[in-house]
Amino acid sequence: MTETILKISGLKVAYGGIKAVKGLDLEVNKGELVTLIGANGAGKTTTLKAITGTLPPCKVEGEISYLGQPLRGTQSFRMVQKKLAMVPEGRGVFTRMTIHENLLMGAYTRNDPAGIAADIDKWYAVFPRLKERSGQLAGTLSGGEQQMLAMARALMCHPTLLLLDEPSMGLSPIMVEKIFEVIRDVSAQGITVLLVEQNAKLALQAAHRGYVMESGALTMTGNAADMLNDSRVQAAYLGE
């Protein structure tokens, strides 16, 4: 039987009279890479922030469960203890800490120094540029380097579920290629991933399943490969 890692039922988010999310139902099963695509302002980031409890004051309704347990009301800093990690839009690195210190912060819930050191070496091997600059302040890195660091830091907690919010935003094509290579590798290792991404083609190429969100509501869901070939998706998001 397939294990459901994340299940969202009837999620509604409203800022005053503005309804940002309108009754969303979504689930992510163990080992899946699921992508949520849609235009700017569709409600994708709001959905991720609702999962992690990091929304500004607003009205939230509906159910969010993680590993079968209700998630709403959980303090956001407890999420990492539950092995739920997020790479936020804009990266969110600790700018006044070094690359090495950022990676250590990603492992703050762990108590296995040898394992932590091994994982840091592992991510330095994946992202050699981070190793070259390990003593450099994170705030001095380029956008692409910060995205590498944010991903490596999130993975340091050995997440059961990894949430990625617009990982390709603002990056050069070669950097986008590298980031998606790592996303596919992470998925291949069995880590469950929910990916929010504007680059619909790359997201659907990497994912097992996809959801399309428009104006706060889901308009389509299905197998990612089928969605890539769907004329509606092609016309709206793939420029074809």
C-alpha atoms as a PDB file:
ATOM      1  CA  MET A   1       0.000   0.000   0.000  1.00  0.00           C
ATOM      2  CA  THR A   2       1.317   3.449  -0.922  1.00  0.00           C
ATOM      3  CA  GLU A   3       2.264   5.604   2.058  1.00  0.00           C
ATOM      4  CA  THR A   4       0.961   9.171   1.887  1.00  0.00           C
ATOM      5  CA  ILE A   5       3.570  11.601   3.200  1.00  0.00           C
ATOM      6  CA  LEU A   6       1.603  14.835   2.742  1.00  0.00           C
ATOM      7  CA  LYS A   7      -2.143  15.237   2.369  1.00  0.00           C
ATOM      8  CA  ILE A   8      -3.939  18.568   1.985  1.00  0.00           C
ATOM      9  CA  SER A   9      -7.743  18.675   2.055  1.00  0.00           C
ATOM     10  CA  GLY A  10      -9.887  21.734   1.406  1.00  0.00           C
ATOM     11  CA  LEU A  11      -7.129  24.269   2.043  1.00  0.00           C
ATOM     12  CA  LYS A  12      -8.346  27.862   1.946  1.00  0.00           C
ATOM     13  CA  VAL A  13      -6.188  30.916   2.642  1.00  0.00           C
ATOM     14  CA  ALA A  14      -7.614  34.443   2.706  1.00  0.00           C
ATOM     15  CA  TYR A  15      -5.933  37.782   3.345  1.00  0.00           C
ATOM     16  CA  GLY A  16      -8.864  39.986   4.283  1.00  0.00           C
ATOM     17  CA  GLY A  17     -11.188  39.793   1.307  1.00  0.00           C
ATOM     18  CA  ILE A  18      -8.552  38.295  -0.994  1.00  0.00           C
ATOM     19  CA  LYS A  19      -8.839  34.546  -1.417  1.00  0.00           C
ATOM     20  CA  ALA A  20      -5.324  33.321  -2.241  1.00  0.00           C
ATOM     21  CA  VAL A  21      -6.094  29.582  -2.062  1.00  0.00           C
ATOM     22  CA  LYS A  22      -9.599  28.265  -2.731  1.00  0.00           C
ATOM     23  CA  GLY A  23     -10.231  24.754  -1.448  1.00  0.00           C
ATOM     24  CA  LEU A  24      -7.077  22.949  -2.551  1.00  0.00           C
ATOM     25  CA  ASP A  25      -6.751  19.144  -2.346  1.00  0.00           C
ATOM     26  CA  LEU A  26      -3.286  17.697  -2.924  1.00  0.00           C
ATOM     27  CA  GLU A  27      -1.276  14.697  -1.846  1.00  0.00           C
ATOM     28  CA  VAL A  28       2.307  13.505  -2.134  1.00  0.00           C
ATOM     29  CA  ASN A  29       3.169   9.843  -1.663  1.00  0.00           C
ATOM     30  CA  LYS A  30       6.385   8.319  -0.400  1.00  0.00           C
ATOM     31  CA  GLY A  31       9.239   8.543  -2.919  1.00  0.00           C
ATOM     32  CA  GLU A  32       7.348  10.793  -5.318  1.00  0.00           C
ATOM     33  CA  LEU A  33       8.539  14.011  -6.905  1.00  0.00           C
ATOM     34  CA  VAL A  34       5.352  16.038  -7.308  1.00  0.00           C
ATOM     35  CA  THR A  35       5.328  19.470  -8.910  1.00  0.00           C
ATOM     36  CA  LEU A  36       2.872  22.322  -8.479  1.00  0.00           C
ATOM     37  CA  ILE A  37       3.036  24.637 -11.487  1.00  0.00           C
ATOM     38  CA  GLY A  38       1.230  27.824 -12.403  1.00  0.00           C
ATOM     39  CA  ALA A  39       1.694  31.480 -13.216  1.00  0.00           C
ATOM     40  CA  ASN A  40       2.917  34.123 -10.791  1.00  0.00           C
ATOM     41  CA  GLY A  41       0.276  34.869  -8.161  1.00  0.00           C
ATOM     42  CA  ALA A  42      -1.518  31.535  -8.593  1.00  0.00           C
ATOM     43  CA  GLY A  43      -1.144  30.720  -4.873  1.00  0.00           C
ATOM     44  CA  LYS A  44       1.719  28.219  -5.081  1.00  0.00           C
ATOM     45  CA  THR A  45       4.024  29.855  -2.516  1.00  0.00           C
ATOM     46  CA  THR A  46       1.059  30.541  -0.221  1.00  0.00           C
ATOM     47  CA  THR A  47       0.323  26.814  -0.295  1.00  0.00           C
ATOM     48  CA  LEU A  48       3.871  25.936   0.762  1.00  0.00           C
ATOM     49  CA  LYS A  49       3.816  28.556   3.518  1.00  0.00           C
ATOM     50  CA  ALA A  50       0.531  27.127   4.767  1.00  0.00           C
ATOM     51  CA  ILE A  51       2.215  23.720   5.029  1.00  0.00           C
ATOM     52  CA  THR A  52       5.159  25.100   6.994  1.00  0.00           C
ATOM     53  CA  GLY A  53       3.170  27.517   9.148  1.00  0.00           C
ATOM     54  CA  THR A  54       5.085  30.546   7.907  1.00  0.00           C
ATOM     55  CA  LEU A  55       2.193  32.622   6.540  1.00  0.00           C
ATOM     56  CA  PRO A  56       1.662  36.189   7.736  1.00  0.00           C
ATOM     57  CA  PRO A  57      -1.576  36.716   9.731  1.00  0.00           C
ATOM     58  CA  CYS A  58      -4.477  35.479   7.604  1.00  0.00           C
ATOM     59  CA  LYS A  59      -7.446  33.118   7.701  1.00  0.00           C
ATOM     60  CA  VAL A  60      -6.522  29.480   7.030  1.00  0.00           C
ATOM     61  CA  GLU A  61      -9.044  26.653   6.734  1.00  0.00           C
ATOM     62  CA  GLY A  62      -8.736  22.996   5.796  1.00  0.00           C
ATOM     63  CA  GLU A  63      -6.616  20.044   6.842  1.00  0.00           C
ATOM     64  CA  ILE A  64      -2.891  19.456   6.329  1.00  0.00           C
ATOM     65  CA  SER A  65      -1.454  16.140   7.482  1.00  0.00           C
ATOM     66  CA  TYR A  66       2.150  14.932   7.376  1.00  0.00           C
ATOM     67  CA  LEU A  67       2.889  11.242   7.961  1.00  0.00           C
ATOM     68  CA  GLY A  68      -0.729  10.859   9.051  1.00  0.00           C
ATOM     69  CA  GLN A  69      -0.529  13.549  11.748  1.00  0.00           C
ATOM     70  CA  PRO A  70      -2.138  17.030  11.633  1.00  0.00           C
ATOM     71  CA  LEU A  71       0.461  19.664  10.802  1.00  0.00           C
ATOM     72  CA  ARG A  72      -1.499  22.872  11.277  1.00  0.00           C
ATOM     73  CA  GLY A  73      -0.569  24.634  14.504  1.00  0.00           C
ATOM     74  CA  THR A  74       2.901  23.076  14.593  1.00  0.00           C
ATOM     75  CA  GLN A  75       5.546  25.720  15.222  1.00  0.00           C
ATOM     76  CA  SER A  76       7.606  26.172  12.079  1.00  0.00           C
ATOM     77  CA  PHE A  77      10.919  25.448  13.821  1.00  0.00           C
ATOM     78  CA  ARG A  78       9.530  22.045  14.862  1.00  0.00           C
ATOM     79  CA  MET A  79       9.168  21.054  11.206  1.00  0.00           C
ATOM     80  CA  VAL A  80      12.853  20.194  10.833  1.00  0.00           C
ATOM     81  CA  GLN A  81      12.626  17.928  13.880  1.00  0.00           C
ATOM     82  CA  LYS A  82       9.871  16.134  11.977  1.00  0.00           C
ATOM     83  CA  LYS A  83      12.240  15.889   8.983  1.00  0.00           C
ATOM     84  CA  LEU A  84      10.227  18.298   6.870  1.00  0.00           C
ATOM     85  CA  ALA A  85      12.537  20.845   5.244  1.00  0.00           C
ATOM     86  CA  MET A  86      11.868  23.733   2.890  1.00  0.00           C
ATOM     87  CA  VAL A  87      14.066  25.703   0.514  1.00  0.00           C
ATOM     88  CA  PRO A  88      12.163  28.999   0.369  1.00  0.00           C
ATOM     89  CA  GLU A  89      11.786  31.333  -2.568  1.00  0.00           C
ATOM     90  CA  GLY A  90      14.708  33.758  -2.314  1.00  0.00           C
ATOM     91  CA  ARG A  91      16.891  31.033  -0.721  1.00  0.00           C
ATOM     92  CA  GLY A  92      16.870  32.350   2.853  1.00  0.00           C
ATOM     93  CA  VAL A  93      20.516  31.603   3.639  1.00  0.00           C
ATOM     94  CA  PHE A  94      22.094  32.999   6.812  1.00  0.00           C
ATOM     95  CA  THR A  95      23.947  35.813   5.105  1.00  0.00           C
ATOM     96  CA  ARG A  96      26.311  36.664   7.986  1.00  0.00           C
ATOM     97  CA  MET A  97      27.373  33.068   8.493  1.00  0.00           C
ATOM     98  CA  THR A  98      29.851  31.137   6.374  1.00  0.00           C
ATOM     99  CA  ILE A  99      28.882  28.397   3.962  1.00  0.00           C
ATOM    100  CA  HIS A 100      30.189  25.818   6.442  1.00  0.00           C
ATOM    101  CA  GLU A 101      28.199  27.352   9.307  1.00  0.00           C
ATOM    102  CA  ASN A 102      25.033  27.359   7.179  1.00  0.00           C
ATOM    103  CA  LEU A 103      25.453  23.641   6.534  1.00  0.00           C
ATOM    104  CA  LEU A 104      25.954  22.988  10.247  1.00  0.00           C
ATOM    105  CA  MET A 105      22.742  24.903  10.940  1.00  0.00           C
ATOM    106  CA  GLY A 106      20.949  22.537   8.576  1.00  0.00           C
ATOM    107  CA  ALA A 107      21.995  19.675  10.854  1.00  0.00           C
ATOM    108  CA  TYR A 108      21.154  21.341  14.170  1.00  0.00           C
ATOM    109  CA  THR A 109      18.576  18.645  15.051  1.00  0.00           C
ATOM    110  CA  ARG A 110      21.193  15.895  14.647  1.00  0.00           C
ATOM    111  CA  ASN A 111      23.666  14.585  17.192  1.00  0.00           C
ATOM    112  CA  ASP A 112      26.059  12.516  15.078  1.00  0.00           C
ATOM    113  CA  PRO A 113      29.215  14.608  14.435  1.00  0.00           C
ATOM    114  CA  ALA A 114      30.829  12.006  12.170  1.00  0.00           C
ATOM    115  CA  GLY A 115      27.677  11.686  10.070  1.00  0.00           C
ATOM    116  CA  ILE A 116      27.295  15.446   9.842  1.00  0.00           C
ATOM    117  CA  ALA A 117      30.898  15.815   8.682  1.00  0.00           C
ATOM    118  CA  ALA A 118      30.375  13.057   6.103  1.00  0.00           C
ATOM    119  CA  ASP A 119      27.239  14.770   4.781  1.00  0.00           C
ATOM    120  CA  ILE A 120      29.021  18.112   4.497  1.00  0.00           C
ATOM    121  CA  ASP A 121      31.729  16.377   2.449  1.00  0.00           C
ATOM    122  CA  LYS A 122      29.004  14.739   0.344  1.00  0.00           C
ATOM    123  CA  TRP A 123      27.380  18.079  -0.553  1.00  0.00           C
ATOM    124  CA  TYR A 124      30.750  19.687  -1.152  1.00  0.00           C
ATOM    125  CA  ALA A 125      31.335  16.917  -3.712  1.00  0.00           C
ATOM    126  CA  VAL A 126      27.979  17.679  -5.368  1.00  0.00           C
ATOM    127  CA  PHE A 127      28.608  21.436  -5.273  1.00  0.00           C
ATOM    128  CA  PRO A 128      32.408  21.912  -5.576  1.00  0.00           C
ATOM    129  CA  ARG A 129      31.937  25.674  -5.702  1.00  0.00           C
ATOM    130  CA  LEU A 130      30.672  25.616  -2.125  1.00  0.00           C
ATOM    131  CA  LYS A 131      33.742  23.715  -0.976  1.00  0.00           C
ATOM    132  CA  GLU A 132      36.043  26.266  -2.634  1.00  0.00           C
ATOM    133  CA  ARG A 133      34.256  29.027  -0.703  1.00  0.00           C
ATOM    134  CA  SER A 134      33.447  27.174   2.535  1.00  0.00           C
ATOM    135  CA  GLY A 135      34.796  29.963   4.737  1.00  0.00           C
ATOM    136  CA  GLN A 136      33.062  32.726   2.784  1.00  0.00           C
ATOM    137  CA  LEU A 137      30.027  34.580   4.142  1.00  0.00           C
ATOM    138  CA  ALA A 138      26.854  33.289   2.485  1.00  0.00           C
ATOM    139  CA  GLY A 139      25.668  36.843   1.798  1.00  0.00           C
ATOM    140  CA  THR A 140      28.588  37.398  -0.580  1.00  0.00           C
ATOM    141  CA  LEU A 141      27.641  34.475  -2.844  1.00  0.00           C
ATOM    142  CA  SER A 142      25.930  34.748  -6.223  1.00  0.00           C
ATOM    143  CA  GLY A 143      22.262  33.809  -6.508  1.00  0.00           C
ATOM    144  CA  GLY A 144      23.113  30.412  -7.944  1.00  0.00           C
ATOM    145  CA  GLU A 145      25.634  29.669  -5.210  1.00  0.00           C
ATOM    146  CA  GLN A 146      23.095  30.675  -2.570  1.00  0.00           C
ATOM    147  CA  GLN A 147      20.549  28.313  -4.151  1.00  0.00           C
ATOM    148  CA  MET A 148      23.091  25.472  -4.002  1.00  0.00           C
ATOM    149  CA  LEU A 149      23.751  26.280  -0.351  1.00  0.00           C
ATOM    150  CA  ALA A 150      20.053  26.503   0.547  1.00  0.00           C
ATOM    151  CA  MET A 151      19.418  23.076  -1.000  1.00  0.00           C
ATOM    152  CA  ALA A 152      22.441  21.474   0.660  1.00  0.00           C
ATOM    153  CA  ARG A 153      21.491  23.007   4.022  1.00  0.00           C
ATOM    154  CA  ALA A 154      17.915  21.652   3.785  1.00  0.00           C
ATOM    155  CA  LEU A 155      19.213  18.190   2.913  1.00  0.00           C
ATOM    156  CA  MET A 156      21.527  18.124   5.939  1.00  0.00           C
ATOM    157  CA  CYS A 157      18.572  17.145   8.163  1.00  0.00           C
ATOM    158  CA  HIS A 158      17.898  14.002   6.062  1.00  0.00           C
ATOM    159  CA  PRO A 159      14.349  15.152   5.251  1.00  0.00           C
ATOM    160  CA  THR A 160      11.473  12.758   4.719  1.00  0.00           C
ATOM    161  CA  LEU A 161       9.800  15.540   2.717  1.00  0.00           C
ATOM    162  CA  LEU A 162      11.630  18.335   0.901  1.00  0.00           C
ATOM    163  CA  LEU A 163       9.664  21.407  -0.191  1.00  0.00           C
ATOM    164  CA  LEU A 164      11.261  23.483  -2.959  1.00  0.00           C
ATOM    165  CA  ASP A 165       9.871  26.931  -3.785  1.00  0.00           C
ATOM    166  CA  GLU A 166      10.924  28.289  -7.191  1.00  0.00           C
ATOM    167  CA  PRO A 167      14.493  26.894  -7.116  1.00  0.00           C
ATOM    168  CA  SER A 168      15.270  28.104 -10.652  1.00  0.00           C
ATOM    169  CA  MET A 169      14.089  31.692 -10.170  1.00  0.00           C
ATOM    170  CA  GLY A 170      16.634  34.305 -11.269  1.00  0.00           C
ATOM    171  CA  LEU A 171      19.339  31.799 -12.152  1.00  0.00           C
ATOM    172  CA  SER A 172      21.396  31.474 -15.323  1.00  0.00           C
ATOM    173  CA  PRO A 173      20.469  28.602 -17.670  1.00  0.00           C
ATOM    174  CA  ILE A 174      23.590  26.611 -16.752  1.00  0.00           C
ATOM    175  CA  MET A 175      22.828  27.013 -13.034  1.00  0.00           C
ATOM    176  CA  VAL A 176      19.196  25.997 -13.570  1.00  0.00           C
ATOM    177  CA  GLU A 177      20.447  22.848 -15.291  1.00  0.00           C
ATOM    178  CA  LYS A 178      22.679  22.029 -12.299  1.00  0.00           C
ATOM    179  CA  ILE A 179      19.915  22.640  -9.754  1.00  0.00           C
ATOM    180  CA  PHE A 180      17.502  20.361 -11.616  1.00  0.00           C
ATOM    181  CA  GLU A 181      20.178  17.703 -11.942  1.00  0.00           C
ATOM    182  CA  VAL A 182      20.445  17.719  -8.139  1.00  0.00           C
ATOM    183  CA  ILE A 183      16.646  17.684  -7.726  1.00  0.00           C
ATOM    184  CA  ARG A 184      16.441  14.568  -9.902  1.00  0.00           C
ATOM    185  CA  ASP A 185      19.303  12.933  -7.976  1.00  0.00           C
ATOM    186  CA  VAL A 186      17.666  13.716  -4.624  1.00  0.00           C
ATOM    187  CA  SER A 187      14.431  12.146  -5.877  1.00  0.00           C
ATOM    188  CA  ALA A 188      16.336   9.099  -7.116  1.00  0.00           C
ATOM    189  CA  GLN A 189      17.702   8.656  -3.567  1.00  0.00           C
ATOM    190  CA  GLY A 190      14.107   8.149  -2.396  1.00  0.00           C
ATOM    191  CA  ILE A 191      13.551  11.556  -0.795  1.00  0.00           C
ATOM    192  CA  THR A 192       9.963  12.725  -1.293  1.00  0.00           C
ATOM    193  CA  VAL A 193       9.811  16.141  -2.969  1.00  0.00           C
ATOM    194  CA  LEU A 194       7.099  18.753  -3.525  1.00  0.00           C
ATOM    195  CA  LEU A 195       8.398  21.225  -6.096  1.00  0.00           C
ATOM    196  CA  VAL A 196       6.799  24.604  -6.799  1.00  0.00           C
ATOM    197  CA  GLU A 197       8.199  25.952 -10.047  1.00  0.00           C
ATOM    198  CA  GLN A 198       7.420  28.475 -12.780  1.00  0.00           C
ATOM    199  CA  ASN A 199       9.542  26.613 -15.322  1.00  0.00           C
ATOM    200  CA  ALA A 200       6.781  24.137 -16.115  1.00  0.00           C
ATOM    201  CA  LYS A 201       8.731  22.170 -18.708  1.00  0.00           C
ATOM    202  CA  LEU A 202      11.704  21.393 -16.461  1.00  0.00           C
ATOM    203  CA  ALA A 203       9.433  20.686 -13.507  1.00  0.00           C
ATOM    204  CA  LEU A 204       7.233  18.244 -15.415  1.00  0.00           C
ATOM    205  CA  GLN A 205      10.271  16.557 -16.993  1.00  0.00           C
ATOM    206  CA  ALA A 206      11.653  15.887 -13.496  1.00  0.00           C
ATOM    207  CA  ALA A 207       8.388  15.000 -11.731  1.00  0.00           C
ATOM    208  CA  HIS A 208       6.295  11.853 -11.423  1.00  0.00           C
ATOM    209  CA  ARG A 209       3.011  13.751 -11.058  1.00  0.00           C
ATOM    210  CA  GLY A 210       1.909  17.336 -11.484  1.00  0.00           C
ATOM    211  CA  TYR A 211      -0.761  19.787 -10.391  1.00  0.00           C
ATOM    212  CA  VAL A 212      -1.676  22.985 -12.239  1.00  0.00           C
ATOM    213  CA  MET A 213      -2.822  25.927 -10.116  1.00  0.00           C
ATOM    214  CA  GLU A 214      -4.627  29.002 -11.411  1.00  0.00           C
ATOM    215  CA  SER A 215      -6.010  31.859  -9.301  1.00  0.00           C
ATOM    216  CA  GLY A 216      -5.861  29.846  -6.079  1.00  0.00           C
ATOM    217  CA  ALA A 217      -7.511  26.688  -7.418  1.00  0.00           C
ATOM    218  CA  LEU A 218      -6.288  23.467  -9.016  1.00  0.00           C
ATOM    219  CA  THR A 219      -7.345  23.153 -12.643  1.00  0.00           C
ATOM    220  CA  MET A 220      -5.549  19.958 -13.622  1.00  0.00           C
ATOM    221  CA  THR A 221      -3.631  17.043 -12.150  1.00  0.00           C
ATOM    222  CA  GLY A 222      -2.105  13.921 -13.576  1.00  0.00           C
ATOM    223  CA  ASN A 223       0.958  12.006 -14.642  1.00  0.00           C
ATOM    224  CA  ALA A 224       3.747  14.500 -15.374  1.00  0.00           C
ATOM    225  CA  ALA A 225       4.700  12.935 -18.715  1.00  0.00           C
ATOM    226  CA  ASP A 226       1.066  13.069 -19.872  1.00  0.00           C
ATOM    227  CA  MET A 227       0.776  16.688 -18.790  1.00  0.00           C
ATOM    228  CA  LEU A 228       3.885  17.598 -20.790  1.00  0.00           C
ATOM    229  CA  ASN A 229       2.065  16.411 -23.884  1.00  0.00           C
ATOM    230  CA  ASP A 230      -1.293  17.986 -22.991  1.00  0.00           C
ATOM    231  CA  SER A 231      -2.216  20.736 -25.454  1.00  0.00           C
ATOM    232  CA  ARG A 232      -3.712  22.925 -22.680  1.00  0.00           C
ATOM    233  CA  VAL A 233      -0.518  22.779 -20.615  1.00  0.00           C
ATOM    234  CA  GLN A 234       1.593  23.370 -23.709  1.00  0.00           C
ATOM    235  CA  ALA A 235      -0.443  26.426 -24.705  1.00  0.00           C
ATOM    236  CA  ALA A 236      -0.531  27.942 -21.213  1.00  0.00           C
ATOM    237  CA  TYR A 237       2.905  27.130 -19.814  1.00  0.00           C
ATOM    238  CA  LEU A 238       5.244  25.659 -22.401  1.00  0.00           C
ATOM    239  CA  GLY A 239       4.935  28.260 -25.148  1.00  0.00           C
ATOM    240  CA  GLU A 240       3.922  25.647 -27.687  1.00  0.00           C
END
